[in-house]
Amino acid sequence: MTRPFSARVGDPVWLAEAVDWIETRLGRRVDDVVQPRIRPWSTQLRVVADGSVWWFKANCPAQRFEPALQAVLADLVPGSFDAPAAFDADRGWMLTSDRGPTWGEQDEPGLDQWCALVREAALVQHRLAEHGTVLLGAGVPDCSPATVLSRFDRFVALLADQPPEHPSFLPPELRVQVEQRRPAIEAAAETLQASRLPVTWQHGDLHPWNVFMVGGGPRLFDLGDSQWAHALEILCVPFGWTRERTDLPWEPVLEAYADAWDLPASVIEADWVAAGLTQAVNRVLTWWTCLAEATADEWQEWGEAPRYHLSRVIDP
């Protein structure tokens, strides 16, 4: 039986192996290593070598594609992503230079910052829309609109088949409500397939705490939730974040995003509603696969997420 990811990366033997890999890539001795956190999907090491700070990240199997993806994105859109200092695609390991505090840590983001962030995201998506073969080849999950309905059916059945004590269990009464939304999800997928916006790279967790400011411009990171999906799905996390954690209005943010595509917001309103449905289904995939190697305690802490996101289709 496979040891849980968190158990593997919490093992001193694994840590010694990781430090050896880092020292080999840097060509110098590591003076200090701190492991700030371990999650079921990733862990980080803060490394000091010759006075310089570096960050090492190891991903669970479902997100092992992140280092290779970051290298590809840094090559395709170098002003928006840092290239890894070193990475091992097979193990999902990556070493990057320290960029200091995130944008969100530097200052509480206001409306102008959120508008700037979604504009940057739209410009990146525009550049990447023609590179689907490369991104999918790097391991990014294909969550394009044409794949959503089958994913919905799969997870309805999968979560309903879990034992009742499982944190992701979909009880019969909730299953009925979710399944009643199947025609709406099918229609949403069809709407997005006809959209003026493309299928492209979707960050999956876009907010100012996943952005560094470098030379006055944003550099996006923490790419493990990335998907190949309809462009507008990238706005679902910013929408939820601003609605639940701030009193900022949403309409100017949506307008800023649409403007970056040279479109009025009114043109993408129907697409935006549809993207709320498809992103809910696609988000289930992220959570379910990230928890594939979780411990029982980790399932208790995080395991409601797949059911929560699937049930979002009832009221997106």
C-alpha atoms as a PDB file:
ATOM      1  CA  MET A   1       0.000   0.000   0.000  1.00  0.00           C
ATOM      2  CA  THR A   2       1.318   3.454  -0.942  1.00  0.00           C
ATOM      3  CA  ARG A   3       2.301   5.596   2.016  1.00  0.00           C
ATOM      4  CA  PRO A   4       0.352   8.856   2.221  1.00  0.00           C
ATOM      5  CA  PHE A   5       2.102  11.760   0.520  1.00  0.00           C
ATOM      6  CA  SER A   6       2.369  13.729   3.768  1.00  0.00           C
ATOM      7  CA  ALA A   7       3.974  10.756   5.514  1.00  0.00           C
ATOM      8  CA  ARG A   8       6.556  10.402   2.767  1.00  0.00           C
ATOM      9  CA  VAL A   9       7.562  14.055   2.722  1.00  0.00           C
ATOM     10  CA  GLY A  10       7.583  14.229   6.524  1.00  0.00           C
ATOM     11  CA  ASP A  11      10.148  11.443   6.735  1.00  0.00           C
ATOM     12  CA  PRO A  12      13.733  12.493   7.633  1.00  0.00           C
ATOM     13  CA  VAL A  13      15.038  10.146   4.934  1.00  0.00           C
ATOM     14  CA  TRP A  14      12.986  11.960   2.309  1.00  0.00           C
ATOM     15  CA  LEU A  15      14.139  15.333   3.648  1.00  0.00           C
ATOM     16  CA  ALA A  16      17.787  14.286   3.412  1.00  0.00           C
ATOM     17  CA  GLU A  17      17.214  13.157  -0.187  1.00  0.00           C
ATOM     18  CA  ALA A  18      15.564  16.459  -1.055  1.00  0.00           C
ATOM     19  CA  VAL A  19      18.386  18.479   0.507  1.00  0.00           C
ATOM     20  CA  ASP A  20      20.950  16.423  -1.394  1.00  0.00           C
ATOM     21  CA  TRP A  21      19.072  17.143  -4.632  1.00  0.00           C
ATOM     22  CA  ILE A  22      18.986  20.868  -3.810  1.00  0.00           C
ATOM     23  CA  GLU A  23      22.701  20.998  -3.013  1.00  0.00           C
ATOM     24  CA  THR A  24      23.516  19.196  -6.246  1.00  0.00           C
ATOM     25  CA  ARG A  25      21.432  21.641  -8.302  1.00  0.00           C
ATOM     26  CA  LEU A  26      22.791  24.717  -6.518  1.00  0.00           C
ATOM     27  CA  GLY A  27      26.356  23.463  -6.435  1.00  0.00           C
ATOM     28  CA  ARG A  28      26.728  24.594  -2.834  1.00  0.00           C
ATOM     29  CA  ARG A  29      26.029  23.473   0.703  1.00  0.00           C
ATOM     30  CA  VAL A  30      22.673  24.199   2.309  1.00  0.00           C
ATOM     31  CA  ASP A  31      23.074  26.092   5.591  1.00  0.00           C
ATOM     32  CA  ASP A  32      19.500  25.966   6.852  1.00  0.00           C
ATOM     33  CA  VAL A  33      16.258  24.196   5.912  1.00  0.00           C
ATOM     34  CA  VAL A  34      12.772  24.822   7.290  1.00  0.00           C
ATOM     35  CA  GLN A  35       9.651  22.921   6.253  1.00  0.00           C
ATOM     36  CA  PRO A  36       6.879  25.478   6.863  1.00  0.00           C
ATOM     37  CA  ARG A  37       3.980  23.187   6.091  1.00  0.00           C
ATOM     38  CA  ILE A  38       2.882  19.824   4.774  1.00  0.00           C
ATOM     39  CA  ARG A  39      -0.412  19.399   2.964  1.00  0.00           C
ATOM     40  CA  PRO A  40      -1.907  16.334   1.264  1.00  0.00           C
ATOM     41  CA  TRP A  41      -1.047  17.923  -2.107  1.00  0.00           C
ATOM     42  CA  SER A  42       2.357  19.590  -1.576  1.00  0.00           C
ATOM     43  CA  THR A  43       5.090  20.622   0.804  1.00  0.00           C
ATOM     44  CA  GLN A  44       7.651  23.419   0.718  1.00  0.00           C
ATOM     45  CA  LEU A  45      11.144  23.840   2.070  1.00  0.00           C
ATOM     46  CA  ARG A  46      12.685  27.249   2.761  1.00  0.00           C
ATOM     47  CA  VAL A  47      16.365  26.835   2.045  1.00  0.00           C
ATOM     48  CA  VAL A  48      19.285  29.125   2.846  1.00  0.00           C
ATOM     49  CA  ALA A  49      22.557  28.558   0.986  1.00  0.00           C
ATOM     50  CA  ASP A  50      25.474  31.028   1.110  1.00  0.00           C
ATOM     51  CA  GLY A  51      23.127  33.720   2.393  1.00  0.00           C
ATOM     52  CA  SER A  52      20.631  33.308  -0.468  1.00  0.00           C
ATOM     53  CA  VAL A  53      17.070  32.075   0.106  1.00  0.00           C
ATOM     54  CA  TRP A  54      15.468  29.478  -2.146  1.00  0.00           C
ATOM     55  CA  TRP A  55      12.157  27.655  -2.128  1.00  0.00           C
ATOM     56  CA  PHE A  56      11.759  23.972  -2.871  1.00  0.00           C
ATOM     57  CA  LYS A  57       8.340  22.500  -3.617  1.00  0.00           C
ATOM     58  CA  ALA A  58       7.301  18.854  -3.896  1.00  0.00           C
ATOM     59  CA  ASN A  59       3.894  17.950  -5.325  1.00  0.00           C
ATOM     60  CA  CYS A  60       1.608  14.978  -4.850  1.00  0.00           C
ATOM     61  CA  PRO A  61       1.188  12.732  -7.928  1.00  0.00           C
ATOM     62  CA  ALA A  62      -1.933  14.560  -9.149  1.00  0.00           C
ATOM     63  CA  GLN A  63      -0.045  17.858  -9.301  1.00  0.00           C
ATOM     64  CA  ARG A  64       3.330  16.508 -10.308  1.00  0.00           C
ATOM     65  CA  PHE A  65       2.986  18.414 -13.570  1.00  0.00           C
ATOM     66  CA  GLU A  66       3.507  21.818 -11.898  1.00  0.00           C
ATOM     67  CA  PRO A  67       7.320  22.139 -12.270  1.00  0.00           C
ATOM     68  CA  ALA A  68       7.263  21.232 -15.971  1.00  0.00           C
ATOM     69  CA  LEU A  69       4.281  23.538 -16.488  1.00  0.00           C
ATOM     70  CA  GLN A  70       6.055  26.450 -14.809  1.00  0.00           C
ATOM     71  CA  ALA A  71       9.077  25.917 -17.042  1.00  0.00           C
ATOM     72  CA  VAL A  72       6.841  25.898 -20.128  1.00  0.00           C
ATOM     73  CA  LEU A  73       4.938  29.013 -19.044  1.00  0.00           C
ATOM     74  CA  ALA A  74       8.144  30.883 -18.217  1.00  0.00           C
ATOM     75  CA  ASP A  75       9.305  30.123 -21.748  1.00  0.00           C
ATOM     76  CA  LEU A  76       6.030  31.117 -23.421  1.00  0.00           C
ATOM     77  CA  VAL A  77       5.200  34.149 -21.252  1.00  0.00           C
ATOM     78  CA  PRO A  78       8.513  35.067 -19.552  1.00  0.00           C
ATOM     79  CA  GLY A  79       7.297  38.352 -18.106  1.00  0.00           C
ATOM     80  CA  SER A  80       4.533  36.673 -16.131  1.00  0.00           C
ATOM     81  CA  PHE A  81       6.239  33.555 -14.717  1.00  0.00           C
ATOM     82  CA  ASP A  82       9.623  32.837 -13.156  1.00  0.00           C
ATOM     83  CA  ALA A  83      11.539  29.932 -14.645  1.00  0.00           C
ATOM     84  CA  PRO A  84      12.445  27.285 -12.066  1.00  0.00           C
ATOM     85  CA  ALA A  85      16.084  27.293 -11.009  1.00  0.00           C
ATOM     86  CA  ALA A  86      15.856  23.499 -11.253  1.00  0.00           C
ATOM     87  CA  PHE A  87      13.131  20.872 -11.471  1.00  0.00           C
ATOM     88  CA  ASP A  88      12.540  17.153 -11.660  1.00  0.00           C
ATOM     89  CA  ALA A  89       9.392  16.494 -13.671  1.00  0.00           C
ATOM     90  CA  ASP A  90       9.221  12.818 -12.736  1.00  0.00           C
ATOM     91  CA  ARG A  91       9.184  13.533  -9.011  1.00  0.00           C
ATOM     92  CA  GLY A  92       7.303  16.824  -9.158  1.00  0.00           C
ATOM     93  CA  TRP A  93      10.159  18.717  -7.486  1.00  0.00           C
ATOM     94  CA  MET A  94      10.980  22.345  -8.160  1.00  0.00           C
ATOM     95  CA  LEU A  95      13.477  24.903  -6.864  1.00  0.00           C
ATOM     96  CA  THR A  96      12.833  28.616  -7.253  1.00  0.00           C
ATOM     97  CA  SER A  97      14.506  31.780  -6.047  1.00  0.00           C
ATOM     98  CA  ASP A  98      12.954  33.755  -3.203  1.00  0.00           C
ATOM     99  CA  ARG A  99      10.792  36.675  -4.302  1.00  0.00           C
ATOM    100  CA  GLY A 100       9.981  38.007  -0.848  1.00  0.00           C
ATOM    101  CA  PRO A 101       6.424  38.657   0.311  1.00  0.00           C
ATOM    102  CA  THR A 102       3.515  38.054  -2.036  1.00  0.00           C
ATOM    103  CA  TRP A 103       1.478  40.891  -3.459  1.00  0.00           C
ATOM    104  CA  GLY A 104      -1.275  40.190  -0.959  1.00  0.00           C
ATOM    105  CA  GLU A 105       1.180  40.178   1.946  1.00  0.00           C
ATOM    106  CA  GLN A 106       2.591  43.571   0.987  1.00  0.00           C
ATOM    107  CA  ASP A 107      -0.715  45.381   1.159  1.00  0.00           C
ATOM    108  CA  GLU A 108      -4.426  44.617   1.402  1.00  0.00           C
ATOM    109  CA  PRO A 109      -5.468  44.498  -2.270  1.00  0.00           C
ATOM    110  CA  GLY A 110      -8.065  47.047  -3.282  1.00  0.00           C
ATOM    111  CA  LEU A 111     -10.247  47.277  -6.347  1.00  0.00           C
ATOM    112  CA  ASP A 112      -7.433  48.585  -8.571  1.00  0.00           C
ATOM    113  CA  GLN A 113      -5.215  45.652  -7.617  1.00  0.00           C
ATOM    114  CA  TRP A 114      -7.894  43.061  -8.367  1.00  0.00           C
ATOM    115  CA  CYS A 115      -8.626  44.714 -11.717  1.00  0.00           C
ATOM    116  CA  ALA A 116      -4.916  44.723 -12.566  1.00  0.00           C
ATOM    117  CA  LEU A 117      -4.618  41.066 -11.623  1.00  0.00           C
ATOM    118  CA  VAL A 118      -7.483  39.869 -13.817  1.00  0.00           C
ATOM    119  CA  ARG A 119      -6.225  41.991 -16.706  1.00  0.00           C
ATOM    120  CA  GLU A 120      -2.835  40.318 -16.415  1.00  0.00           C
ATOM    121  CA  ALA A 121      -4.509  36.911 -16.258  1.00  0.00           C
ATOM    122  CA  ALA A 122      -6.505  37.658 -19.420  1.00  0.00           C
ATOM    123  CA  LEU A 123      -3.388  38.760 -21.310  1.00  0.00           C
ATOM    124  CA  VAL A 124      -1.597  35.568 -20.275  1.00  0.00           C
ATOM    125  CA  GLN A 125      -4.591  33.468 -21.325  1.00  0.00           C
ATOM    126  CA  HIS A 126      -4.689  35.177 -24.708  1.00  0.00           C
ATOM    127  CA  ARG A 127      -1.032  34.271 -25.279  1.00  0.00           C
ATOM    128  CA  LEU A 128      -1.536  30.666 -24.203  1.00  0.00           C
ATOM    129  CA  ALA A 129      -4.767  29.854 -26.035  1.00  0.00           C
ATOM    130  CA  GLU A 130      -2.854  28.580 -29.063  1.00  0.00           C
ATOM    131  CA  HIS A 131      -0.530  26.377 -26.999  1.00  0.00           C
ATOM    132  CA  GLY A 132      -2.967  23.741 -25.783  1.00  0.00           C
ATOM    133  CA  THR A 133      -0.953  20.840 -27.167  1.00  0.00           C
ATOM    134  CA  VAL A 134       2.132  21.973 -25.249  1.00  0.00           C
ATOM    135  CA  LEU A 135       0.293  22.573 -21.968  1.00  0.00           C
ATOM    136  CA  LEU A 136      -1.666  19.332 -22.125  1.00  0.00           C
ATOM    137  CA  GLY A 137       1.569  17.571 -22.987  1.00  0.00           C
ATOM    138  CA  ALA A 138       3.087  19.016 -19.805  1.00  0.00           C
ATOM    139  CA  GLY A 139       0.343  17.267 -17.828  1.00  0.00           C
ATOM    140  CA  VAL A 140      -2.282  19.978 -17.333  1.00  0.00           C
ATOM    141  CA  PRO A 141      -5.722  18.301 -16.934  1.00  0.00           C
ATOM    142  CA  ASP A 142      -8.086  18.732 -19.862  1.00  0.00           C
ATOM    143  CA  CYS A 143     -11.187  20.349 -18.375  1.00  0.00           C
ATOM    144  CA  SER A 144     -12.450  21.967 -21.559  1.00  0.00           C
ATOM    145  CA  PRO A 145     -16.224  22.446 -21.877  1.00  0.00           C
ATOM    146  CA  ALA A 146     -16.658  19.310 -23.985  1.00  0.00           C
ATOM    147  CA  THR A 147     -15.361  17.183 -21.090  1.00  0.00           C
ATOM    148  CA  VAL A 148     -17.483  18.655 -18.299  1.00  0.00           C
ATOM    149  CA  LEU A 149     -20.708  16.673 -18.551  1.00  0.00           C
ATOM    150  CA  SER A 150     -19.008  13.286 -18.384  1.00  0.00           C
ATOM    151  CA  ARG A 151     -16.968  14.531 -15.424  1.00  0.00           C
ATOM    152  CA  PHE A 152     -20.165  15.626 -13.698  1.00  0.00           C
ATOM    153  CA  ASP A 153     -21.748  12.189 -14.209  1.00  0.00           C
ATOM    154  CA  ARG A 154     -18.613  10.462 -12.969  1.00  0.00           C
ATOM    155  CA  PHE A 155     -18.379  12.424  -9.732  1.00  0.00           C
ATOM    156  CA  VAL A 156     -22.077  12.250  -8.937  1.00  0.00           C
ATOM    157  CA  ALA A 157     -21.822   8.465  -9.075  1.00  0.00           C
ATOM    158  CA  LEU A 158     -18.450   8.342  -7.334  1.00  0.00           C
ATOM    159  CA  LEU A 159     -19.403  10.523  -4.363  1.00  0.00           C
ATOM    160  CA  ALA A 160     -22.799   8.872  -3.995  1.00  0.00           C
ATOM    161  CA  ASP A 161     -21.055   5.484  -3.830  1.00  0.00           C
ATOM    162  CA  GLN A 162     -18.858   6.467  -0.895  1.00  0.00           C
ATOM    163  CA  PRO A 163     -19.796   5.075   2.530  1.00  0.00           C
ATOM    164  CA  PRO A 164     -22.006   7.453   4.547  1.00  0.00           C
ATOM    165  CA  GLU A 165     -19.191   8.215   6.995  1.00  0.00           C
ATOM    166  CA  HIS A 166     -16.912   9.415   4.173  1.00  0.00           C
ATOM    167  CA  PRO A 167     -16.460  13.235   4.234  1.00  0.00           C
ATOM    168  CA  SER A 168     -17.246  13.479   0.500  1.00  0.00           C
ATOM    169  CA  PHE A 169     -20.337  11.251   0.619  1.00  0.00           C
ATOM    170  CA  LEU A 170     -23.208  12.606  -1.485  1.00  0.00           C
ATOM    171  CA  PRO A 171     -26.416  11.692   0.361  1.00  0.00           C
ATOM    172  CA  PRO A 172     -29.475  10.633  -1.669  1.00  0.00           C
ATOM    173  CA  GLU A 173     -31.465  13.840  -1.155  1.00  0.00           C
ATOM    174  CA  LEU A 174     -28.522  16.012  -2.211  1.00  0.00           C
ATOM    175  CA  ARG A 175     -27.814  13.731  -5.156  1.00  0.00           C
ATOM    176  CA  VAL A 176     -31.330  14.350  -6.441  1.00  0.00           C
ATOM    177  CA  GLN A 177     -30.821  18.112  -6.266  1.00  0.00           C
ATOM    178  CA  VAL A 178     -27.446  17.895  -7.984  1.00  0.00           C
ATOM    179  CA  GLU A 179     -28.685  15.588 -10.753  1.00  0.00           C
ATOM    180  CA  GLN A 180     -31.570  17.963 -11.466  1.00  0.00           C
ATOM    181  CA  ARG A 181     -28.936  20.449 -12.605  1.00  0.00           C
ATOM    182  CA  ARG A 182     -27.573  18.143 -15.302  1.00  0.00           C
ATOM    183  CA  PRO A 183     -29.473  19.867 -18.164  1.00  0.00           C
ATOM    184  CA  ALA A 184     -28.168  23.246 -16.960  1.00  0.00           C
ATOM    185  CA  ILE A 185     -24.605  21.932 -16.946  1.00  0.00           C
ATOM    186  CA  GLU A 186     -25.022  20.508 -20.432  1.00  0.00           C
ATOM    187  CA  ALA A 187     -26.371  23.857 -21.628  1.00  0.00           C
ATOM    188  CA  ALA A 188     -23.506  25.706 -19.901  1.00  0.00           C
ATOM    189  CA  ALA A 189     -20.938  23.551 -21.661  1.00  0.00           C
ATOM    190  CA  GLU A 190     -22.612  24.234 -24.998  1.00  0.00           C
ATOM    191  CA  THR A 191     -22.661  27.975 -24.252  1.00  0.00           C
ATOM    192  CA  LEU A 192     -18.948  27.985 -23.542  1.00  0.00           C
ATOM    193  CA  GLN A 193     -18.153  25.945 -26.646  1.00  0.00           C
ATOM    194  CA  ALA A 194     -19.794  28.732 -28.661  1.00  0.00           C
ATOM    195  CA  SER A 195     -18.156  31.526 -26.634  1.00  0.00           C
ATOM    196  CA  ARG A 196     -16.115  34.355 -28.119  1.00  0.00           C
ATOM    197  CA  LEU A 197     -13.533  33.613 -25.426  1.00  0.00           C
ATOM    198  CA  PRO A 198     -11.290  30.573 -25.915  1.00  0.00           C
ATOM    199  CA  VAL A 199     -10.405  27.454 -24.028  1.00  0.00           C
ATOM    200  CA  THR A 200      -7.007  28.212 -22.527  1.00  0.00           C
ATOM    201  CA  TRP A 201      -4.882  27.983 -19.398  1.00  0.00           C
ATOM    202  CA  GLN A 202      -6.787  28.414 -16.133  1.00  0.00           C
ATOM    203  CA  HIS A 203      -4.744  29.124 -12.986  1.00  0.00           C
ATOM    204  CA  GLY A 204      -7.266  27.485 -10.675  1.00  0.00           C
ATOM    205  CA  ASP A 205      -6.520  29.559  -7.578  1.00  0.00           C
ATOM    206  CA  LEU A 206      -5.933  33.130  -8.728  1.00  0.00           C
ATOM    207  CA  HIS A 207      -5.604  35.671  -5.933  1.00  0.00           C
ATOM    208  CA  PRO A 208      -2.978  38.214  -4.790  1.00  0.00           C
ATOM    209  CA  TRP A 209      -1.375  35.764  -2.361  1.00  0.00           C
ATOM    210  CA  ASN A 210      -0.348  33.675  -5.379  1.00  0.00           C
ATOM    211  CA  VAL A 211       1.374  36.603  -7.083  1.00  0.00           C
ATOM    212  CA  PHE A 212       4.752  38.300  -6.641  1.00  0.00           C
ATOM    213  CA  MET A 213       5.405  41.838  -7.809  1.00  0.00           C
ATOM    214  CA  VAL A 214       8.665  41.904  -9.778  1.00  0.00           C
ATOM    215  CA  GLY A 215       9.840  45.124 -11.425  1.00  0.00           C
ATOM    216  CA  GLY A 216       6.391  46.621 -11.021  1.00  0.00           C
ATOM    217  CA  GLY A 217       4.635  43.713 -12.735  1.00  0.00           C
ATOM    218  CA  PRO A 218       2.917  40.557 -11.446  1.00  0.00           C
ATOM    219  CA  ARG A 219       4.539  37.127 -11.570  1.00  0.00           C
ATOM    220  CA  LEU A 220       2.067  34.284 -11.095  1.00  0.00           C
ATOM    221  CA  PHE A 221       2.983  31.164  -9.149  1.00  0.00           C
ATOM    222  CA  ASP A 222       1.434  28.186  -7.270  1.00  0.00           C
ATOM    223  CA  LEU A 223       0.283  26.546 -10.486  1.00  0.00           C
ATOM    224  CA  GLY A 224      -0.686  23.091  -9.210  1.00  0.00           C
ATOM    225  CA  ASP A 225      -4.428  23.756  -9.624  1.00  0.00           C
ATOM    226  CA  SER A 226      -4.015  24.675 -13.295  1.00  0.00           C
ATOM    227  CA  GLN A 227      -6.450  23.285 -15.856  1.00  0.00           C
ATOM    228  CA  TRP A 228      -7.069  23.591 -19.570  1.00  0.00           C
ATOM    229  CA  ALA A 229     -10.557  25.090 -19.460  1.00  0.00           C
ATOM    230  CA  HIS A 230     -12.736  27.931 -20.654  1.00  0.00           C
ATOM    231  CA  ALA A 231     -11.014  31.257 -20.047  1.00  0.00           C
ATOM    232  CA  LEU A 232     -13.690  32.676 -17.753  1.00  0.00           C
ATOM    233  CA  GLU A 233     -13.287  29.924 -15.173  1.00  0.00           C
ATOM    234  CA  ILE A 234     -10.165  31.759 -13.974  1.00  0.00           C
ATOM    235  CA  LEU A 235     -12.458  34.416 -12.481  1.00  0.00           C
ATOM    236  CA  CYS A 236     -14.371  32.089 -10.167  1.00  0.00           C
ATOM    237  CA  VAL A 237     -11.811  32.227  -7.349  1.00  0.00           C
ATOM    238  CA  PRO A 238     -11.444  36.045  -7.561  1.00  0.00           C
ATOM    239  CA  PHE A 239     -15.240  36.329  -7.505  1.00  0.00           C
ATOM    240  CA  GLY A 240     -15.568  34.125  -4.438  1.00  0.00           C
ATOM    241  CA  TRP A 241     -12.635  35.817  -2.719  1.00  0.00           C
ATOM    242  CA  THR A 242     -13.901  39.385  -3.200  1.00  0.00           C
ATOM    243  CA  ARG A 243     -17.495  38.469  -2.377  1.00  0.00           C
ATOM    244  CA  GLU A 244     -16.712  36.526   0.807  1.00  0.00           C
ATOM    245  CA  ARG A 245     -13.693  38.416   2.176  1.00  0.00           C
ATOM    246  CA  THR A 246     -14.144  42.018   1.042  1.00  0.00           C
ATOM    247  CA  ASP A 247     -16.850  44.575   0.373  1.00  0.00           C
ATOM    248  CA  LEU A 248     -15.458  45.367  -3.086  1.00  0.00           C
ATOM    249  CA  PRO A 249     -17.879  45.505  -6.031  1.00  0.00           C
ATOM    250  CA  TRP A 250     -17.518  42.732  -8.591  1.00  0.00           C
ATOM    251  CA  GLU A 251     -18.729  44.483 -11.742  1.00  0.00           C
ATOM    252  CA  PRO A 252     -15.555  46.599 -12.262  1.00  0.00           C
ATOM    253  CA  VAL A 253     -13.402  43.479 -11.946  1.00  0.00           C
ATOM    254  CA  LEU A 254     -15.438  41.644 -14.583  1.00  0.00           C
ATOM    255  CA  GLU A 255     -15.307  44.734 -16.809  1.00  0.00           C
ATOM    256  CA  ALA A 256     -11.516  44.926 -16.449  1.00  0.00           C
ATOM    257  CA  TYR A 257     -11.194  41.299 -17.488  1.00  0.00           C
ATOM    258  CA  ALA A 258     -13.515  41.732 -20.484  1.00  0.00           C
ATOM    259  CA  ASP A 259     -11.695  44.897 -21.546  1.00  0.00           C
ATOM    260  CA  ALA A 260      -8.414  42.970 -21.711  1.00  0.00           C
ATOM    261  CA  TRP A 261     -10.101  40.817 -24.372  1.00  0.00           C
ATOM    262  CA  ASP A 262     -11.389  43.961 -26.145  1.00  0.00           C
ATOM    263  CA  LEU A 263     -14.946  43.003 -25.299  1.00  0.00           C
ATOM    264  CA  PRO A 264     -17.697  44.764 -23.340  1.00  0.00           C
ATOM    265  CA  ALA A 265     -18.718  42.910 -20.207  1.00  0.00           C
ATOM    266  CA  SER A 266     -22.267  42.538 -21.551  1.00  0.00           C
ATOM    267  CA  VAL A 267     -20.988  40.218 -24.296  1.00  0.00           C
ATOM    268  CA  ILE A 268     -19.638  37.686 -21.807  1.00  0.00           C
ATOM    269  CA  GLU A 269     -22.388  37.825 -19.172  1.00  0.00           C
ATOM    270  CA  ALA A 270     -24.025  34.565 -20.311  1.00  0.00           C
ATOM    271  CA  ASP A 271     -20.606  32.923 -20.557  1.00  0.00           C
ATOM    272  CA  TRP A 272     -19.773  34.066 -17.026  1.00  0.00           C
ATOM    273  CA  VAL A 273     -22.913  32.415 -15.643  1.00  0.00           C
ATOM    274  CA  ALA A 274     -22.103  29.228 -17.549  1.00  0.00           C
ATOM    275  CA  ALA A 275     -18.496  29.222 -16.319  1.00  0.00           C
ATOM    276  CA  GLY A 276     -19.738  29.224 -12.724  1.00  0.00           C
ATOM    277  CA  LEU A 277     -21.298  25.819 -13.385  1.00  0.00           C
ATOM    278  CA  THR A 278     -18.466  24.226 -15.314  1.00  0.00           C
ATOM    279  CA  GLN A 279     -15.806  25.472 -12.889  1.00  0.00           C
ATOM    280  CA  ALA A 280     -17.691  23.935  -9.963  1.00  0.00           C
ATOM    281  CA  VAL A 281     -17.524  20.527 -11.654  1.00  0.00           C
ATOM    282  CA  ASN A 282     -13.883  20.949 -12.658  1.00  0.00           C
ATOM    283  CA  ARG A 283     -12.930  22.014  -9.148  1.00  0.00           C
ATOM    284  CA  VAL A 284     -14.183  18.674  -7.843  1.00  0.00           C
ATOM    285  CA  LEU A 285     -11.519  16.993  -9.968  1.00  0.00           C
ATOM    286  CA  THR A 286      -8.770  19.097  -8.383  1.00  0.00           C
ATOM    287  CA  TRP A 287      -9.815  18.300  -4.838  1.00  0.00           C
ATOM    288  CA  TRP A 288     -10.530  14.611  -5.383  1.00  0.00           C
ATOM    289  CA  THR A 289      -7.200  13.904  -7.054  1.00  0.00           C
ATOM    290  CA  CYS A 290      -5.250  16.005  -4.538  1.00  0.00           C
ATOM    291  CA  LEU A 291      -6.655  13.917  -1.713  1.00  0.00           C
ATOM    292  CA  ALA A 292      -5.928  10.577  -3.392  1.00  0.00           C
ATOM    293  CA  GLU A 293      -3.014   9.909  -1.027  1.00  0.00           C
ATOM    294  CA  ALA A 294      -4.372  11.718   2.040  1.00  0.00           C
ATOM    295  CA  THR A 295      -4.390  10.219   5.511  1.00  0.00           C
ATOM    296  CA  ALA A 296      -7.628   9.543   7.364  1.00  0.00           C
ATOM    297  CA  ASP A 297      -7.117  12.699   9.430  1.00  0.00           C
ATOM    298  CA  GLU A 298      -6.467  14.743   6.287  1.00  0.00           C
ATOM    299  CA  TRP A 299      -9.645  13.410   4.724  1.00  0.00           C
ATOM    300  CA  GLN A 300     -11.524  14.561   7.815  1.00  0.00           C
ATOM    301  CA  GLU A 301      -9.984  18.033   7.506  1.00  0.00           C
ATOM    302  CA  TRP A 302     -10.257  18.545   3.741  1.00  0.00           C
ATOM    303  CA  GLY A 303     -12.581  15.827   2.493  1.00  0.00           C
ATOM    304  CA  GLU A 304     -15.809  17.841   2.375  1.00  0.00           C
ATOM    305  CA  ALA A 305     -14.372  19.919  -0.483  1.00  0.00           C
ATOM    306  CA  PRO A 306     -15.327  17.577  -3.378  1.00  0.00           C
ATOM    307  CA  ARG A 307     -18.940  17.381  -2.202  1.00  0.00           C
ATOM    308  CA  TYR A 308     -19.057  21.123  -1.517  1.00  0.00           C
ATOM    309  CA  HIS A 309     -17.892  22.043  -5.008  1.00  0.00           C
ATOM    310  CA  LEU A 310     -20.176  19.534  -6.688  1.00  0.00           C
ATOM    311  CA  SER A 311     -23.137  20.916  -4.765  1.00  0.00           C
ATOM    312  CA  ARG A 312     -22.256  24.424  -5.981  1.00  0.00           C
ATOM    313  CA  VAL A 313     -24.010  23.572  -9.243  1.00  0.00           C
ATOM    314  CA  ILE A 314     -27.293  23.923  -7.340  1.00  0.00           C
ATOM    315  CA  ASP A 315     -26.604  27.602  -6.655  1.00  0.00           C
ATOM    316  CA  PRO A 316     -23.448  28.588  -8.574  1.00  0.00           C
END
